[in-house]
Amino acid sequence: MGLPIQSAPTYTTNLPSDGREVKFRPFLVKEQKILVLAREGEDTRKTLDAVKELIHNVTFEKVVADELPMVDLEWLFIKIRAVSVGEHVTLTLPCQHETCNGTGKISLNLEEVGTKGEIPEDTTIKISDDVGIVLRFPMVKDLSGVDDLPVGEQPIELVKRSMVQIFDGETVYNTNEIEQNELNEFVDSLTFKQLETIGGFFDNLPRLSHDITYMCDICKVSNERTLEGLQSFF
């Protein structure tokens, strides 16, 4: 006679990017071990791969993490983490005073973490009187290999990967139908002002964000900080 296997409860949440409802279960012990090993290795790529695998598993293999906007992946992760190991997580953060090497601790309620930014009603960006670009949310898959590029090239590469169409007064070009060297040439021909206009689209997209205040254990100075990004909520 075999030992009884526990049945995990099911929860739901709505994704920030489109409001889609997703069902999920808590992490299992074997899955938590994968995440712990990835986190301790301090390799952001391995951590992201572990989170993607976990999300695929706990959503009953209904969600493909690579096809999610990053804000949705981060949102799902903290919701799943909250029901798996508890709503409160203790973070140890460095003091931001330039002459202090101390740290401070804070107990963060994951249920209080929200998003900042807005979902654009129109994803079309005009960069001149005749030329425009249709953009989309950057997906998790778009991050693949980007961190191997020089820091200055990473934002531009994400812009390229997020372009859906380029159009002028007469023609619409689907970016998945044009050669990469043509796309590179188009982006390289942009002015800094045009690139800044495109960058504003990404700056205003929803992102996981939470403002905190904590006291340094050594200098006793109060620190204010905004937590953003997946690594901030481990």
Protein backbone atom coordinates (compact mmCIF):
# COMPACT_ATOMS: atom_id res chain seq x y z
CA MET A 1 0.00 0.00 0.00
CA GLY A 2 1.53 3.34 -1.10
CA LEU A 3 1.75 6.51 0.92
CA PRO A 4 -0.97 9.12 0.30
CA ILE A 5 -0.03 11.85 -2.17
CA GLN A 6 -1.23 15.31 -1.19
CA SER A 7 -3.46 17.27 -3.56
CA ALA A 8 -2.40 20.92 -3.82
CA PRO A 9 -5.09 23.65 -3.72
CA THR A 10 -5.81 25.75 -6.81
CA TYR A 11 -5.73 29.57 -6.91
CA THR A 12 -6.46 32.18 -9.57
CA THR A 13 -5.07 35.59 -10.49
CA ASN A 14 -5.51 38.06 -13.33
CA LEU A 15 -2.48 39.05 -15.37
CA PRO A 16 -1.64 42.78 -15.36
CA SER A 17 -1.07 43.09 -19.12
CA ASP A 18 -4.43 41.85 -20.38
CA GLY A 19 -6.53 40.80 -17.36
CA ARG A 20 -6.45 37.14 -18.40
CA GLU A 21 -7.31 34.76 -15.55
CA VAL A 22 -4.71 32.12 -14.76
CA LYS A 23 -5.13 29.12 -12.46
CA PHE A 24 -2.13 27.93 -10.46
CA ARG A 25 -1.09 25.77 -7.54
CA PRO A 26 1.68 26.25 -4.94
CA PHE A 27 5.26 25.13 -5.49
CA LEU A 28 5.98 21.55 -4.48
CA VAL A 29 9.05 20.73 -2.38
CA LYS A 30 10.92 19.33 -5.37
CA GLU A 31 10.20 22.52 -7.36
CA GLN A 32 11.23 24.81 -4.52
CA LYS A 33 14.64 23.11 -4.45
CA ILE A 34 15.21 24.07 -8.09
CA LEU A 35 14.45 27.69 -7.33
CA VAL A 36 16.70 27.80 -4.26
CA LEU A 37 19.65 26.39 -6.22
CA ALA A 38 19.11 28.91 -9.02
CA ARG A 39 18.90 31.82 -6.58
CA GLU A 40 22.01 30.81 -4.64
CA GLY A 41 24.01 30.57 -7.86
CA GLU A 42 23.51 34.32 -8.49
CA ASP A 43 23.17 33.64 -12.21
CA THR A 44 20.26 35.73 -13.48
CA ARG A 45 19.82 33.54 -16.56
CA LYS A 46 19.57 30.35 -14.50
CA THR A 47 17.19 32.06 -12.09
CA LEU A 48 14.94 33.14 -14.96
CA ASP A 49 15.03 29.65 -16.49
CA ALA A 50 14.05 28.13 -13.13
CA VAL A 51 11.17 30.60 -12.71
CA LYS A 52 9.93 29.86 -16.24
CA GLU A 53 9.98 26.12 -15.58
CA LEU A 54 8.17 26.53 -12.27
CA ILE A 55 5.48 28.75 -13.76
CA HIS A 56 4.88 26.25 -16.56
CA ASN A 57 4.51 23.46 -13.99
CA VAL A 58 2.31 25.20 -11.43
CA THR A 59 -0.10 26.57 -14.05
CA PHE A 60 -0.84 22.97 -15.05
CA GLU A 61 1.29 23.45 -18.18
CA LYS A 62 -1.23 25.96 -19.55
CA VAL A 63 1.10 28.97 -19.45
CA VAL A 64 4.21 29.20 -21.61
CA ALA A 65 6.40 31.65 -19.71
CA ASP A 66 8.39 32.70 -22.77
CA GLU A 67 5.21 34.10 -24.32
CA LEU A 68 4.44 36.33 -21.32
CA PRO A 69 5.31 40.01 -20.94
CA MET A 70 7.90 40.31 -18.16
CA VAL A 71 5.42 42.05 -15.84
CA ASP A 72 3.10 39.02 -16.07
CA LEU A 73 5.93 36.60 -15.27
CA GLU A 74 6.94 38.68 -12.22
CA TRP A 75 3.31 39.02 -11.11
CA LEU A 76 2.69 35.27 -11.36
CA PHE A 77 5.90 34.52 -9.50
CA ILE A 78 5.07 36.63 -6.43
CA LYS A 79 1.48 35.35 -6.34
CA ILE A 80 2.68 31.74 -6.51
CA ARG A 81 5.43 32.40 -3.97
CA ALA A 82 2.92 33.96 -1.56
CA VAL A 83 0.68 30.87 -1.51
CA SER A 84 3.66 28.50 -1.46
CA VAL A 85 5.84 29.81 1.36
CA GLY A 86 3.80 32.62 2.91
CA GLU A 87 2.79 36.18 2.11
CA HIS A 88 5.65 37.75 4.08
CA VAL A 89 9.27 37.62 2.95
CA THR A 90 12.24 39.08 4.86
CA LEU A 91 14.64 41.05 2.69
CA THR A 92 18.14 42.16 3.72
CA LEU A 93 19.10 45.29 1.81
CA PRO A 94 22.32 47.36 1.72
CA CYS A 95 22.40 50.82 3.24
CA GLN A 96 22.31 53.45 0.50
CA HIS A 97 24.46 55.94 2.42
CA GLU A 98 27.73 56.12 0.50
CA THR A 99 29.99 55.87 3.58
CA CYS A 100 28.12 52.98 5.26
CA ASN A 101 28.51 49.26 4.62
CA GLY A 102 25.57 48.29 6.81
CA THR A 103 22.33 46.57 5.92
CA GLY A 104 18.73 46.75 6.98
CA LYS A 105 15.95 44.17 7.12
CA ILE A 106 12.34 44.56 6.14
CA SER A 107 9.38 42.22 6.21
CA LEU A 108 7.57 42.61 2.90
CA ASN A 109 3.98 41.54 2.37
CA LEU A 110 3.87 40.19 -1.18
CA GLU A 111 0.14 40.79 -1.36
CA GLU A 112 0.82 44.53 -1.15
CA VAL A 113 3.13 44.54 -4.17
CA GLY A 114 1.47 46.06 -7.22
CA THR A 115 2.31 47.49 -10.62
CA LYS A 116 3.15 50.95 -11.88
CA GLY A 117 2.63 52.17 -15.42
CA GLU A 118 -0.24 52.00 -17.87
CA ILE A 119 -1.31 49.72 -20.68
CA PRO A 120 -1.21 51.87 -23.84
CA GLU A 121 -4.45 52.20 -25.79
CA ASP A 122 -2.45 52.66 -28.99
CA THR A 123 0.86 50.90 -29.64
CA THR A 124 1.62 52.96 -32.75
CA ILE A 125 4.49 55.44 -32.45
CA LYS A 126 4.92 58.13 -35.12
CA ILE A 127 8.57 59.05 -35.53
CA SER A 128 8.00 61.48 -38.41
CA ASP A 129 5.11 62.85 -40.46
CA ASP A 130 5.16 59.79 -42.72
CA VAL A 131 6.91 56.99 -40.80
CA GLY A 132 5.61 55.07 -37.79
CA ILE A 133 6.20 51.89 -35.82
CA VAL A 134 3.79 49.43 -34.25
CA LEU A 135 5.20 47.99 -31.03
CA ARG A 136 4.18 45.26 -28.58
CA PHE A 137 4.97 44.33 -25.01
CA PRO A 138 8.50 42.88 -24.74
CA MET A 139 8.10 39.16 -24.03
CA VAL A 140 10.21 36.98 -21.74
CA LYS A 141 11.61 35.24 -24.83
CA ASP A 142 12.91 38.60 -26.07
CA LEU A 143 15.41 38.67 -23.20
CA SER A 144 17.25 35.61 -24.50
CA GLY A 145 20.85 36.50 -25.27
CA VAL A 146 20.36 40.23 -24.64
CA ASP A 147 22.54 40.22 -21.53
CA ASP A 148 25.42 38.90 -23.67
CA LEU A 149 25.49 42.18 -25.57
CA PRO A 150 27.33 45.33 -24.44
CA VAL A 151 25.22 47.27 -21.95
CA GLY A 152 24.66 50.16 -24.36
CA GLU A 153 23.25 47.85 -27.06
CA GLN A 154 20.79 45.96 -24.85
CA PRO A 155 17.91 48.51 -24.87
CA ILE A 156 18.19 48.93 -28.66
CA GLU A 157 18.06 45.17 -29.18
CA LEU A 158 14.88 44.96 -27.08
CA VAL A 159 13.36 47.74 -29.20
CA LYS A 160 14.10 45.75 -32.36
CA ARG A 161 12.56 42.58 -30.95
CA SER A 162 9.42 44.47 -29.90
CA MET A 163 8.71 45.97 -33.32
CA VAL A 164 5.74 44.43 -35.10
CA GLN A 165 5.40 46.72 -38.11
CA ILE A 166 7.11 49.68 -39.74
CA PHE A 167 5.07 51.83 -42.11
CA ASP A 168 5.34 54.90 -44.27
CA GLY A 169 2.78 56.76 -46.34
CA GLU A 170 2.31 53.89 -48.77
CA THR A 171 3.64 50.61 -47.39
CA VAL A 172 3.41 48.49 -44.25
CA TYR A 173 6.40 46.24 -43.47
CA ASN A 174 5.94 43.31 -41.08
CA THR A 175 9.19 42.94 -39.19
CA ASN A 176 8.98 39.13 -39.22
CA GLU A 177 9.13 39.27 -43.03
CA ILE A 178 12.17 41.50 -43.45
CA GLU A 179 15.85 40.64 -43.17
CA GLN A 180 17.60 41.33 -39.88
CA ASN A 181 20.22 43.50 -41.57
CA GLU A 182 17.43 45.71 -42.98
CA LEU A 183 15.91 46.10 -39.51
CA ASN A 184 19.35 46.90 -38.08
CA GLU A 185 19.89 49.52 -40.77
CA PHE A 186 16.50 51.10 -40.06
CA VAL A 187 17.16 51.36 -36.32
CA ASP A 188 20.70 52.64 -36.88
CA SER A 189 19.26 55.44 -39.04
CA LEU A 190 17.03 56.75 -36.24
CA THR A 191 17.91 60.02 -34.55
CA PHE A 192 18.38 60.14 -30.79
CA LYS A 193 15.13 62.11 -30.55
CA GLN A 194 13.24 59.39 -32.44
CA LEU A 195 14.78 56.66 -30.29
CA GLU A 196 13.80 58.62 -27.19
CA THR A 197 10.21 58.79 -28.45
CA ILE A 198 10.16 55.03 -28.92
CA GLY A 199 11.76 54.53 -25.51
CA GLY A 200 8.91 56.44 -23.89
CA PHE A 201 6.57 53.60 -24.87
CA PHE A 202 8.63 51.11 -22.85
CA ASP A 203 9.16 53.50 -19.93
CA ASN A 204 5.40 53.77 -19.39
CA LEU A 205 4.54 50.06 -19.62
CA PRO A 206 3.27 48.33 -16.45
CA ARG A 207 6.01 46.94 -14.23
CA LEU A 208 6.12 45.31 -10.83
CA SER A 209 7.08 47.99 -8.32
CA HIS A 210 6.91 48.62 -4.58
CA ASP A 211 8.23 51.51 -2.48
CA ILE A 212 9.78 50.59 0.87
CA THR A 213 11.49 52.25 3.82
CA TYR A 214 13.98 50.47 6.09
CA MET A 215 16.47 51.35 8.83
CA CYS A 216 20.18 50.59 8.55
CA ASP A 217 21.38 48.40 11.44
CA ILE A 218 24.71 50.25 11.69
CA CYS A 219 24.26 53.95 10.95
CA LYS A 220 20.56 53.99 11.90
CA VAL A 221 19.73 56.07 8.81
CA SER A 222 16.31 55.58 7.21
CA ASN A 223 16.57 54.33 3.62
CA GLU A 224 13.95 54.67 0.89
CA ARG A 225 14.02 52.38 -2.10
CA THR A 226 11.80 51.18 -4.94
CA LEU A 227 11.83 47.44 -5.53
CA GLU A 228 11.54 46.47 -9.18
CA GLY A 229 12.39 43.36 -11.15
CA LEU A 230 12.25 39.65 -10.41
CA GLN A 231 15.40 39.48 -8.29
CA SER A 232 14.05 42.09 -5.84
CA PHE A 233 11.30 39.82 -4.59
CA PHE A 234 13.26 36.68 -3.71
